[in-house]
Amino acid sequence: MITNEDLLKEISQRELTELSDLNGTGELNQEIIDDAVNDAISFIESFITLPDNPTPLLKKILTELTIMELRKKNELNPDKERLKEIENYLLKMAANKIPSTLTEQQNFERTTSQSFVISKKRVSTKGFL
């Protein structure tokens, strides 16, 4: 779903290595990262079914939750406000107010872009002056 490259867009290589190095070897531990990704996926799936083609927002949420899980494994305090925001996004996705797949997003954009109809009919200002 996400790769180390996705994580490196949010944090540095050094921080990723430090967060995944629970044994103190000084090397990146892919098993710890994969475990954090799985924990983040489980959290998301408590709200929605994780799609095969997630929207960029859902992918970013997964990335942020993975970083939070890595920080939690290192006994660092999570950002509770950001976690609450993520939960709100996931609740909106569960209620179909925000799309969770790319195909839903395309359909959502098509239906919402037609919400205003513009006509060339002149509006009379008689009685306003």
N, C-alpha and C. Protein backbone atom coordinates (compact mmCIF):
# COMPACT_ATOMS: atom_id res chain seq x y z
N MET A 1 0.83 -1.19 0.00
CA MET A 1 0.00 0.00 0.00
C MET A 1 0.88 1.25 0.00
N ILE A 2 1.77 1.37 1.02
CA ILE A 2 2.73 2.47 1.00
C ILE A 2 4.13 1.89 1.08
N THR A 3 5.08 2.66 0.64
CA THR A 3 6.47 2.22 0.62
C THR A 3 7.30 3.13 1.52
N ASN A 4 8.56 2.76 1.68
CA ASN A 4 9.46 3.61 2.45
C ASN A 4 9.60 4.98 1.80
N GLU A 5 9.50 5.04 0.47
CA GLU A 5 9.58 6.32 -0.24
C GLU A 5 8.44 7.25 0.19
N ASP A 6 7.25 6.68 0.39
CA ASP A 6 6.11 7.48 0.87
C ASP A 6 6.40 8.04 2.26
N LEU A 7 7.01 7.22 3.11
CA LEU A 7 7.35 7.67 4.45
C LEU A 7 8.43 8.75 4.41
N LEU A 8 9.37 8.60 3.47
CA LEU A 8 10.47 9.56 3.37
C LEU A 8 10.02 10.92 2.84
N LYS A 9 8.82 11.00 2.29
CA LYS A 9 8.27 12.29 1.90
C LYS A 9 7.83 13.09 3.13
N GLU A 10 7.59 12.39 4.23
CA GLU A 10 7.12 13.03 5.46
C GLU A 10 8.23 13.20 6.51
N ILE A 11 9.15 12.24 6.57
CA ILE A 11 10.24 12.31 7.54
C ILE A 11 11.56 12.00 6.83
N SER A 12 12.66 12.30 7.49
CA SER A 12 13.97 12.08 6.89
C SER A 12 14.39 10.61 6.99
N GLN A 13 15.38 10.25 6.21
CA GLN A 13 15.93 8.89 6.25
C GLN A 13 16.48 8.59 7.65
N ARG A 14 17.14 9.57 8.24
CA ARG A 14 17.71 9.38 9.57
C ARG A 14 16.63 9.10 10.60
N GLU A 15 15.53 9.88 10.54
CA GLU A 15 14.44 9.68 11.50
C GLU A 15 13.76 8.33 11.29
N LEU A 16 13.58 7.93 10.03
CA LEU A 16 12.97 6.63 9.75
C LEU A 16 13.84 5.51 10.30
N THR A 17 15.15 5.63 10.12
CA THR A 17 16.07 4.63 10.65
C THR A 17 16.01 4.60 12.17
N GLU A 18 16.01 5.77 12.80
CA GLU A 18 15.94 5.83 14.27
C GLU A 18 14.63 5.25 14.80
N LEU A 19 13.53 5.55 14.14
CA LEU A 19 12.23 5.05 14.60
C LEU A 19 12.08 3.54 14.43
N SER A 20 12.72 2.99 13.40
CA SER A 20 12.59 1.55 13.15
C SER A 20 13.65 0.73 13.86
N ASP A 21 14.66 1.37 14.39
CA ASP A 21 15.79 0.68 15.03
C ASP A 21 15.52 0.51 16.52
N LEU A 22 14.65 -0.42 16.87
CA LEU A 22 14.31 -0.64 18.27
C LEU A 22 15.40 -1.41 19.01
N ASN A 23 16.25 -2.12 18.26
CA ASN A 23 17.30 -2.93 18.87
C ASN A 23 18.62 -2.16 19.03
N GLY A 24 18.70 -0.95 18.50
CA GLY A 24 19.90 -0.14 18.64
C GLY A 24 21.06 -0.57 17.76
N THR A 25 20.77 -1.16 16.60
CA THR A 25 21.84 -1.59 15.70
C THR A 25 22.30 -0.48 14.78
N GLY A 26 21.53 0.60 14.68
CA GLY A 26 21.89 1.70 13.80
C GLY A 26 21.46 1.49 12.36
N GLU A 27 20.68 0.44 12.12
CA GLU A 27 20.22 0.13 10.77
C GLU A 27 18.69 0.16 10.70
N LEU A 28 18.20 0.41 9.50
CA LEU A 28 16.76 0.43 9.25
C LEU A 28 16.21 -0.98 9.41
N ASN A 29 15.14 -1.12 10.18
CA ASN A 29 14.53 -2.43 10.40
C ASN A 29 13.19 -2.47 9.67
N GLN A 30 13.18 -3.14 8.52
CA GLN A 30 11.98 -3.18 7.68
C GLN A 30 10.82 -3.91 8.34
N GLU A 31 11.12 -4.89 9.19
CA GLU A 31 10.06 -5.62 9.88
C GLU A 31 9.26 -4.70 10.81
N ILE A 32 9.94 -3.80 11.49
CA ILE A 32 9.27 -2.85 12.38
C ILE A 32 8.40 -1.90 11.56
N ILE A 33 8.92 -1.45 10.42
CA ILE A 33 8.15 -0.55 9.54
C ILE A 33 6.92 -1.27 9.01
N ASP A 34 7.09 -2.51 8.56
CA ASP A 34 5.95 -3.28 8.05
C ASP A 34 4.91 -3.51 9.13
N ASP A 35 5.36 -3.75 10.36
CA ASP A 35 4.44 -3.94 11.47
C ASP A 35 3.65 -2.65 11.74
N ALA A 36 4.33 -1.50 11.66
CA ALA A 36 3.65 -0.20 11.85
C ALA A 36 2.65 0.06 10.74
N VAL A 37 3.00 -0.31 9.49
CA VAL A 37 2.07 -0.16 8.36
C VAL A 37 0.84 -1.02 8.60
N ASN A 38 1.04 -2.25 9.05
CA ASN A 38 -0.10 -3.15 9.31
C ASN A 38 -0.98 -2.63 10.43
N ASP A 39 -0.37 -2.05 11.46
CA ASP A 39 -1.16 -1.45 12.55
C ASP A 39 -1.99 -0.27 12.03
N ALA A 40 -1.39 0.54 11.16
CA ALA A 40 -2.10 1.69 10.58
C ALA A 40 -3.25 1.21 9.69
N ILE A 41 -3.00 0.16 8.91
CA ILE A 41 -4.06 -0.40 8.06
C ILE A 41 -5.20 -0.92 8.92
N SER A 42 -4.87 -1.60 10.01
CA SER A 42 -5.92 -2.11 10.92
C SER A 42 -6.75 -0.98 11.50
N PHE A 43 -6.10 0.13 11.84
CA PHE A 43 -6.83 1.28 12.37
C PHE A 43 -7.79 1.83 11.32
N ILE A 44 -7.31 1.99 10.10
CA ILE A 44 -8.16 2.51 9.02
C ILE A 44 -9.31 1.55 8.76
N GLU A 45 -9.03 0.25 8.76
CA GLU A 45 -10.08 -0.73 8.48
C GLU A 45 -11.10 -0.85 9.60
N SER A 46 -10.85 -0.22 10.73
CA SER A 46 -11.89 -0.16 11.76
C SER A 46 -12.96 0.86 11.39
N PHE A 47 -12.67 1.68 10.37
CA PHE A 47 -13.62 2.67 9.86
C PHE A 47 -14.16 2.28 8.48
N ILE A 48 -13.25 1.94 7.56
CA ILE A 48 -13.63 1.64 6.18
C ILE A 48 -12.82 0.44 5.69
N THR A 49 -13.28 -0.15 4.59
CA THR A 49 -12.50 -1.18 3.93
C THR A 49 -11.45 -0.48 3.08
N LEU A 50 -10.20 -0.87 3.26
CA LEU A 50 -9.12 -0.21 2.53
C LEU A 50 -9.18 -0.63 1.07
N PRO A 51 -9.36 0.34 0.15
CA PRO A 51 -9.49 0.01 -1.27
C PRO A 51 -8.13 -0.29 -1.93
N ASP A 52 -8.20 -0.91 -3.11
CA ASP A 52 -6.98 -1.19 -3.88
C ASP A 52 -6.40 0.08 -4.49
N ASN A 53 -7.25 1.04 -4.82
CA ASN A 53 -6.80 2.29 -5.44
C ASN A 53 -7.23 3.48 -4.57
N PRO A 54 -6.50 3.72 -3.45
CA PRO A 54 -6.90 4.79 -2.54
C PRO A 54 -6.64 6.17 -3.11
N THR A 55 -7.38 7.14 -2.61
CA THR A 55 -7.15 8.53 -3.00
C THR A 55 -5.84 9.00 -2.36
N PRO A 56 -5.27 10.08 -2.88
CA PRO A 56 -4.06 10.63 -2.25
C PRO A 56 -4.27 10.98 -0.78
N LEU A 57 -5.46 11.45 -0.42
CA LEU A 57 -5.75 11.77 0.98
C LEU A 57 -5.66 10.52 1.85
N LEU A 58 -6.26 9.42 1.41
CA LEU A 58 -6.24 8.19 2.19
C LEU A 58 -4.82 7.64 2.29
N LYS A 59 -4.06 7.77 1.23
CA LYS A 59 -2.67 7.31 1.24
C LYS A 59 -1.84 8.16 2.22
N LYS A 60 -2.10 9.46 2.25
CA LYS A 60 -1.41 10.34 3.20
C LYS A 60 -1.79 10.00 4.63
N ILE A 61 -3.06 9.68 4.85
CA ILE A 61 -3.52 9.28 6.18
C ILE A 61 -2.79 8.01 6.62
N LEU A 62 -2.68 7.05 5.72
CA LEU A 62 -1.97 5.81 6.03
C LEU A 62 -0.51 6.09 6.37
N THR A 63 0.11 6.98 5.62
CA THR A 63 1.50 7.34 5.88
C THR A 63 1.64 7.99 7.25
N GLU A 64 0.77 8.93 7.56
CA GLU A 64 0.84 9.62 8.85
C GLU A 64 0.59 8.67 10.02
N LEU A 65 -0.39 7.77 9.85
CA LEU A 65 -0.66 6.80 10.91
C LEU A 65 0.51 5.85 11.12
N THR A 66 1.20 5.48 10.04
CA THR A 66 2.37 4.61 10.15
C THR A 66 3.47 5.30 10.95
N ILE A 67 3.69 6.57 10.66
CA ILE A 67 4.70 7.33 11.40
C ILE A 67 4.30 7.45 12.87
N MET A 68 3.00 7.66 13.13
CA MET A 68 2.53 7.72 14.52
C MET A 68 2.76 6.39 15.23
N GLU A 69 2.52 5.28 14.52
CA GLU A 69 2.75 3.95 15.11
C GLU A 69 4.23 3.74 15.41
N LEU A 70 5.11 4.18 14.50
CA LEU A 70 6.55 4.05 14.75
C LEU A 70 6.95 4.87 15.97
N ARG A 71 6.40 6.06 16.10
CA ARG A 71 6.71 6.90 17.26
C ARG A 71 6.17 6.28 18.55
N LYS A 72 4.99 5.66 18.45
CA LYS A 72 4.41 5.02 19.63
C LYS A 72 5.28 3.84 20.08
N LYS A 73 5.84 3.10 19.13
CA LYS A 73 6.73 1.97 19.46
C LYS A 73 7.99 2.47 20.17
N ASN A 74 8.37 3.72 19.91
CA ASN A 74 9.54 4.32 20.56
C ASN A 74 9.15 5.11 21.79
N GLU A 75 7.92 4.94 22.24
CA GLU A 75 7.38 5.59 23.43
C GLU A 75 7.43 7.12 23.35
N LEU A 76 7.22 7.63 22.14
CA LEU A 76 7.10 9.06 21.93
C LEU A 76 5.61 9.41 21.92
N ASN A 77 5.26 10.57 22.43
CA ASN A 77 3.86 10.97 22.51
C ASN A 77 3.29 11.24 21.13
N PRO A 78 2.13 10.65 20.82
CA PRO A 78 1.50 10.92 19.52
C PRO A 78 0.82 12.28 19.51
N ASP A 79 0.64 12.82 18.33
CA ASP A 79 -0.07 14.08 18.15
C ASP A 79 -1.56 13.78 18.22
N LYS A 80 -2.16 14.00 19.38
CA LYS A 80 -3.56 13.63 19.61
C LYS A 80 -4.52 14.46 18.76
N GLU A 81 -4.16 15.73 18.52
CA GLU A 81 -5.03 16.57 17.70
C GLU A 81 -5.06 16.06 16.26
N ARG A 82 -3.90 15.70 15.73
CA ARG A 82 -3.84 15.20 14.35
C ARG A 82 -4.56 13.86 14.25
N LEU A 83 -4.43 13.02 15.27
CA LEU A 83 -5.13 11.74 15.27
C LEU A 83 -6.64 11.95 15.26
N LYS A 84 -7.11 12.95 15.99
CA LYS A 84 -8.54 13.27 16.00
C LYS A 84 -9.00 13.74 14.62
N GLU A 85 -8.17 14.57 13.95
CA GLU A 85 -8.49 15.01 12.58
C GLU A 85 -8.57 13.83 11.63
N ILE A 86 -7.63 12.90 11.76
CA ILE A 86 -7.62 11.71 10.90
C ILE A 86 -8.87 10.88 11.14
N GLU A 87 -9.25 10.72 12.40
CA GLU A 87 -10.47 9.97 12.71
C GLU A 87 -11.69 10.64 12.07
N ASN A 88 -11.73 11.97 12.09
CA ASN A 88 -12.85 12.68 11.46
C ASN A 88 -12.89 12.46 9.95
N TYR A 89 -11.71 12.49 9.31
CA TYR A 89 -11.66 12.18 7.88
C TYR A 89 -12.17 10.77 7.60
N LEU A 90 -11.74 9.82 8.41
CA LEU A 90 -12.16 8.43 8.19
C LEU A 90 -13.65 8.25 8.43
N LEU A 91 -14.20 8.96 9.41
CA LEU A 91 -15.65 8.90 9.64
C LEU A 91 -16.41 9.47 8.43
N LYS A 92 -15.88 10.54 7.85
CA LYS A 92 -16.51 11.12 6.66
C LYS A 92 -16.40 10.18 5.47
N MET A 93 -15.28 9.47 5.36
CA MET A 93 -15.14 8.48 4.29
C MET A 93 -16.12 7.33 4.50
N ALA A 94 -16.31 6.92 5.75
CA ALA A 94 -17.25 5.85 6.05
C ALA A 94 -18.68 6.26 5.72
N ALA A 95 -18.99 7.56 5.86
CA ALA A 95 -20.33 8.07 5.55
C ALA A 95 -20.45 8.49 4.09
N ASN A 96 -19.45 8.21 3.29
CA ASN A 96 -19.40 8.56 1.85
C ASN A 96 -19.50 10.06 1.59
N LYS A 97 -19.02 10.86 2.54
CA LYS A 97 -18.97 12.30 2.32
C LYS A 97 -17.66 12.71 1.67
N ILE A 98 -16.63 11.89 1.86
CA ILE A 98 -15.33 12.07 1.23
C ILE A 98 -15.00 10.76 0.52
N PRO A 99 -14.57 10.83 -0.74
CA PRO A 99 -14.26 9.58 -1.46
C PRO A 99 -13.00 8.92 -0.90
N SER A 100 -12.98 7.58 -0.95
CA SER A 100 -11.82 6.83 -0.48
C SER A 100 -11.08 6.13 -1.62
N THR A 101 -11.71 6.04 -2.80
CA THR A 101 -11.05 5.44 -3.96
C THR A 101 -10.94 6.48 -5.07
N LEU A 102 -10.02 6.24 -5.98
CA LEU A 102 -9.85 7.17 -7.09
C LEU A 102 -11.08 7.23 -7.98
N THR A 103 -11.75 6.09 -8.18
CA THR A 103 -12.95 6.10 -9.02
C THR A 103 -14.08 6.87 -8.35
N GLU A 104 -14.22 6.72 -7.02
CA GLU A 104 -15.21 7.51 -6.29
C GLU A 104 -14.89 8.99 -6.38
N GLN A 105 -13.59 9.31 -6.30
CA GLN A 105 -13.18 10.71 -6.36
C GLN A 105 -13.53 11.32 -7.71
N GLN A 106 -13.31 10.56 -8.78
CA GLN A 106 -13.65 11.07 -10.11
C GLN A 106 -15.15 11.28 -10.23
N ASN A 107 -15.94 10.33 -9.76
CA ASN A 107 -17.41 10.48 -9.79
C ASN A 107 -17.85 11.63 -8.89
N PHE A 108 -17.21 11.77 -7.74
CA PHE A 108 -17.54 12.83 -6.79
C PHE A 108 -17.27 14.20 -7.41
N GLU A 109 -16.13 14.32 -8.11
CA GLU A 109 -15.77 15.59 -8.74
C GLU A 109 -16.75 15.94 -9.86
N ARG A 110 -17.20 14.93 -10.60
CA ARG A 110 -18.15 15.19 -11.68
C ARG A 110 -19.48 15.67 -11.15
N THR A 111 -19.97 15.08 -10.09
CA THR A 111 -21.28 15.47 -9.57
C THR A 111 -21.23 16.79 -8.83
N THR A 112 -20.13 17.07 -8.13
CA THR A 112 -20.08 18.32 -7.38
C THR A 112 -19.74 19.51 -8.26
N SER A 113 -19.10 19.29 -9.39
CA SER A 113 -18.73 20.42 -10.23
C SER A 113 -19.94 21.01 -10.96
N GLN A 114 -21.06 20.31 -10.97
CA GLN A 114 -22.25 20.80 -11.64
C GLN A 114 -23.27 21.36 -10.66
N SER A 115 -22.84 21.79 -9.51
CA SER A 115 -23.78 22.25 -8.50
C SER A 115 -24.30 23.66 -8.76
N PHE A 116 -23.58 24.45 -9.56
CA PHE A 116 -24.03 25.79 -9.89
C PHE A 116 -24.26 25.88 -11.39
N VAL A 117 -25.42 26.40 -11.76
CA VAL A 117 -25.75 26.58 -13.17
C VAL A 117 -25.68 28.07 -13.46
N ILE A 118 -24.91 28.42 -14.45
CA ILE A 118 -24.74 29.82 -14.81
C ILE A 118 -25.57 30.10 -16.05
N SER A 119 -26.39 31.12 -15.96
CA SER A 119 -27.18 31.50 -17.13
C SER A 119 -26.80 32.91 -17.55
N LYS A 120 -27.08 33.24 -18.77
CA LYS A 120 -26.75 34.56 -19.30
C LYS A 120 -27.92 35.53 -19.18
N LYS A 121 -28.92 35.15 -18.44
CA LYS A 121 -30.10 35.99 -18.25
C LYS A 121 -29.73 37.18 -17.36
N ARG A 122 -30.14 38.36 -17.79
CA ARG A 122 -29.83 39.58 -17.03
C ARG A 122 -30.76 39.66 -15.82
N VAL A 123 -30.21 40.19 -14.77
CA VAL A 123 -30.97 40.38 -13.54
C VAL A 123 -31.43 41.83 -13.50
N SER A 124 -32.68 42.02 -13.22
CA SER A 124 -33.23 43.37 -13.15
C SER A 124 -32.88 43.99 -11.80
N THR A 125 -32.39 45.23 -11.86
CA THR A 125 -32.06 45.95 -10.63
C THR A 125 -33.13 46.99 -10.31
N LYS A 126 -34.26 46.89 -10.96
CA LYS A 126 -35.35 47.83 -10.74
C LYS A 126 -35.86 47.69 -9.30
N GLY A 127 -35.98 48.81 -8.62
CA GLY A 127 -36.48 48.80 -7.27
C GLY A 127 -35.39 48.73 -6.21
N PHE A 128 -34.16 48.49 -6.60
CA PHE A 128 -33.05 48.42 -5.65
C PHE A 128 -32.40 49.78 -5.43
N LEU A 129 -32.58 50.71 -6.34
CA LEU A 129 -31.90 51.99 -6.24
C LEU A 129 -32.75 53.04 -5.62
